[in-house]
Amino acid sequence: MLNSLRTLLGRKTAQLRLCFKKRPSIPVNYILRPGKSILICLPEDSNAAQTLELLKEELNPLNIFVLTENTQDITEFPLGVKAFSLSESELNLLCLPRKSLIKEVRKQRVNIAIDLHWRFFLPSAYICAHSEAALRIGFHSPQAHPFFNLEYHIRRFSPEAYRELIRLIGNISDFSHR
């Protein structure tokens, strides 16, 4: 019960903080062009290597940064991918990431932040929101606003949903550069 209360208070605090920030409109054709830096938040149950290869193929980013709970996945990452670990020690009392982790992510100057947690996960959503990425993508949930400015709706989750989302972003990117 204590963890659910902490998470609820953390989510409400984060939503309140984000409501006071003014966000400009998003020039999608500029943001999705090749050569941008991408932050991707991977859940424990994802196939990290396969997801990252698809991301490289579809979006052709200059840099890929990964936020992961499972540090064992780091050995599977392709070369050139920088990983950030999101362990329990990186969270404060309200289940929000500590400022030091947020500063490290901001230093990378990511243009796109993608959260692949299909069930709302406060720490990764908070990192996306505070990454200063112009485009912040996550799966739809009642708690997702204002953490993301693009929400992907699915009826039922399947591992294919990750690939569908990345392909959709790739298709939008292709279309915006014609």
Protein backbone atom coordinates (compact mmCIF):
# COMPACT_ATOMS: atom_id res chain seq x y z
CA MET A 1 0.00 0.00 0.00
CA LEU A 2 2.85 2.37 0.81
CA ASN A 3 4.35 1.94 -2.68
CA SER A 4 1.02 2.65 -4.39
CA LEU A 5 0.55 5.78 -2.24
CA ARG A 6 4.11 6.90 -3.07
CA THR A 7 3.48 6.31 -6.77
CA LEU A 8 0.18 8.20 -6.68
CA LEU A 9 1.77 11.17 -4.90
CA GLY A 10 4.73 11.07 -7.28
CA ARG A 11 2.47 11.01 -10.36
CA LYS A 12 0.34 13.90 -9.08
CA THR A 13 3.46 15.93 -8.22
CA ALA A 14 4.97 15.27 -11.66
CA GLN A 15 1.73 16.13 -13.48
CA LEU A 16 1.43 19.37 -11.53
CA ARG A 17 5.03 20.35 -12.35
CA LEU A 18 4.51 19.61 -16.05
CA CYS A 19 1.25 21.57 -16.28
CA PHE A 20 3.13 24.79 -15.55
CA LYS A 21 5.59 24.34 -18.43
CA LYS A 22 4.66 25.91 -21.74
CA ARG A 23 5.36 23.64 -24.68
CA PRO A 24 5.67 25.02 -28.23
CA SER A 25 4.15 23.30 -31.25
CA ILE A 26 6.15 20.44 -32.74
CA PRO A 27 7.61 20.62 -36.28
CA VAL A 28 7.37 16.84 -36.86
CA ASN A 29 9.07 16.89 -40.28
CA TYR A 30 12.12 18.53 -38.69
CA ILE A 31 12.21 16.33 -35.59
CA LEU A 32 11.83 13.03 -37.43
CA ARG A 33 14.52 13.62 -40.02
CA PRO A 34 17.48 11.21 -39.95
CA GLY A 35 20.45 12.08 -37.80
CA LYS A 36 18.59 12.95 -34.62
CA SER A 37 19.27 11.63 -31.12
CA ILE A 38 16.74 9.27 -29.59
CA LEU A 39 16.11 8.17 -26.01
CA ILE A 40 14.26 4.87 -25.73
CA CYS A 41 12.93 3.56 -22.43
CA LEU A 42 12.88 -0.23 -22.49
CA PRO A 43 10.76 -2.37 -20.18
CA GLU A 44 12.25 -5.53 -18.73
CA ASP A 45 10.18 -7.82 -20.97
CA SER A 46 11.35 -6.38 -24.28
CA ASN A 47 13.84 -7.90 -26.69
CA ALA A 48 16.34 -5.05 -26.39
CA ALA A 49 18.71 -5.97 -29.22
CA GLN A 50 15.92 -6.57 -31.74
CA THR A 51 14.10 -3.35 -30.77
CA LEU A 52 17.28 -1.27 -31.09
CA GLU A 53 18.16 -2.76 -34.49
CA LEU A 54 14.67 -1.93 -35.78
CA LEU A 55 14.98 1.59 -34.39
CA LYS A 56 18.29 2.07 -36.22
CA GLU A 57 16.82 0.69 -39.45
CA GLU A 58 13.59 2.72 -39.39
CA LEU A 59 14.77 6.07 -38.01
CA ASN A 60 18.50 6.17 -38.79
CA PRO A 61 19.35 8.16 -35.65
CA LEU A 62 22.71 9.73 -35.03
CA ASN A 63 22.69 8.61 -31.38
CA ILE A 64 20.62 6.13 -29.40
CA PHE A 65 20.35 6.36 -25.63
CA VAL A 66 18.59 3.65 -23.63
CA LEU A 67 16.99 3.82 -20.22
CA THR A 68 16.61 0.31 -18.81
CA GLU A 69 15.67 -1.32 -15.54
CA ASN A 70 17.51 -4.50 -16.42
CA THR A 71 21.24 -3.81 -16.57
CA GLN A 72 21.90 -7.35 -17.87
CA ASP A 73 20.37 -6.23 -21.20
CA ILE A 74 23.25 -3.78 -21.65
CA THR A 75 25.53 -6.55 -22.93
CA GLU A 76 23.06 -7.20 -25.79
CA PHE A 77 23.04 -3.59 -26.98
CA PRO A 78 24.68 -2.83 -30.32
CA LEU A 79 27.91 -0.84 -30.24
CA GLY A 80 27.48 2.90 -29.92
CA VAL A 81 24.36 2.71 -27.78
CA LYS A 82 24.70 4.49 -24.43
CA ALA A 83 22.66 3.01 -21.58
CA PHE A 84 21.30 4.58 -18.42
CA SER A 85 20.28 2.31 -15.57
CA LEU A 86 17.03 2.96 -13.76
CA SER A 87 17.42 1.08 -10.49
CA GLU A 88 15.53 1.51 -7.24
CA SER A 89 18.45 3.59 -5.90
CA GLU A 90 17.90 6.10 -8.73
CA LEU A 91 14.36 6.89 -7.45
CA ASN A 92 13.40 9.31 -4.72
CA LEU A 93 10.72 8.91 -2.05
CA LEU A 94 7.93 9.67 -4.58
CA CYS A 95 9.21 7.08 -7.11
CA LEU A 96 10.55 9.86 -9.34
CA PRO A 97 14.04 9.69 -10.87
CA ARG A 98 16.69 11.65 -9.00
CA LYS A 99 17.94 14.94 -10.44
CA SER A 100 21.37 13.47 -11.22
CA LEU A 101 19.86 10.96 -13.67
CA ILE A 102 17.67 13.62 -15.27
CA LYS A 103 20.73 15.88 -15.73
CA GLU A 104 22.66 13.02 -17.37
CA VAL A 105 19.81 12.38 -19.81
CA ARG A 106 19.42 16.10 -20.59
CA LYS A 107 23.15 16.37 -21.38
CA GLN A 108 22.57 14.03 -24.34
CA ARG A 109 20.25 16.57 -26.04
CA VAL A 110 17.76 14.02 -27.33
CA ASN A 111 15.22 15.09 -29.94
CA ILE A 112 12.85 12.14 -29.55
CA ALA A 113 12.01 10.20 -26.37
CA ILE A 114 10.10 6.93 -26.73
CA ASP A 115 8.74 5.06 -23.71
CA LEU A 116 7.99 1.43 -24.57
CA HIS A 117 6.33 0.62 -21.26
CA TRP A 118 2.86 -0.34 -22.46
CA ARG A 119 1.51 0.06 -18.94
CA PHE A 120 2.19 3.52 -17.58
CA PHE A 121 5.49 3.50 -15.67
CA LEU A 122 6.04 6.74 -13.79
CA PRO A 123 9.89 6.80 -13.67
CA SER A 124 10.37 6.37 -17.43
CA ALA A 125 7.47 8.70 -18.30
CA TYR A 126 9.00 11.33 -16.02
CA ILE A 127 12.42 10.93 -17.67
CA CYS A 128 10.81 11.36 -21.10
CA ALA A 129 8.95 14.46 -19.98
CA HIS A 130 12.07 16.04 -18.49
CA SER A 131 14.46 14.94 -21.24
CA GLU A 132 13.70 18.18 -23.12
CA ALA A 133 12.94 16.10 -26.22
CA ALA A 134 10.58 17.92 -28.56
CA LEU A 135 8.74 14.70 -29.40
CA ARG A 136 7.83 12.45 -26.45
CA ILE A 137 6.06 9.23 -27.43
CA GLY A 138 4.37 6.70 -25.16
CA PHE A 139 1.50 4.26 -25.03
CA HIS A 140 -1.90 5.71 -24.22
CA SER A 141 -3.16 5.56 -20.65
CA PRO A 142 -5.24 7.88 -18.47
CA GLN A 143 -2.04 8.97 -16.68
CA ALA A 144 0.00 9.66 -19.85
CA HIS A 145 -0.91 13.34 -20.15
CA PRO A 146 1.20 15.59 -19.84
CA PHE A 147 4.21 13.27 -19.93
CA PHE A 148 3.92 12.54 -23.66
CA ASN A 149 2.86 14.71 -26.59
CA LEU A 150 2.17 11.70 -28.84
CA GLU A 151 0.31 8.69 -27.47
CA TYR A 152 0.02 5.37 -29.26
CA HIS A 153 -3.31 3.62 -28.67
CA ILE A 154 -3.49 -0.18 -28.65
CA ARG A 155 -6.42 -2.45 -27.80
CA ARG A 156 -4.37 -5.31 -26.42
CA PHE A 157 -0.67 -5.55 -25.83
CA SER A 158 1.54 -7.94 -27.74
CA PRO A 159 5.32 -7.81 -28.26
CA GLU A 160 4.58 -6.82 -31.88
CA ALA A 161 3.25 -3.47 -30.55
CA TYR A 162 6.83 -2.21 -30.08
CA ARG A 163 7.69 -2.96 -33.69
CA GLU A 164 4.41 -1.45 -34.94
CA LEU A 165 5.07 1.79 -33.05
CA ILE A 166 8.64 2.10 -34.34
CA ARG A 167 7.53 1.32 -37.92
CA LEU A 168 4.77 3.93 -37.64
CA ILE A 169 7.30 6.55 -36.56
CA GLY A 170 9.54 5.46 -39.45
CA ASN A 171 6.65 5.79 -41.91
CA ILE A 172 5.84 9.27 -40.64
CA SER A 173 9.51 10.15 -41.00
CA ASP A 174 9.60 8.84 -44.60
CA PHE A 175 6.42 10.70 -45.48
CA SER A 176 7.62 13.98 -43.99
CA HIS A 177 10.79 13.93 -46.16
CA ARG A 178 9.20 13.47 -49.56
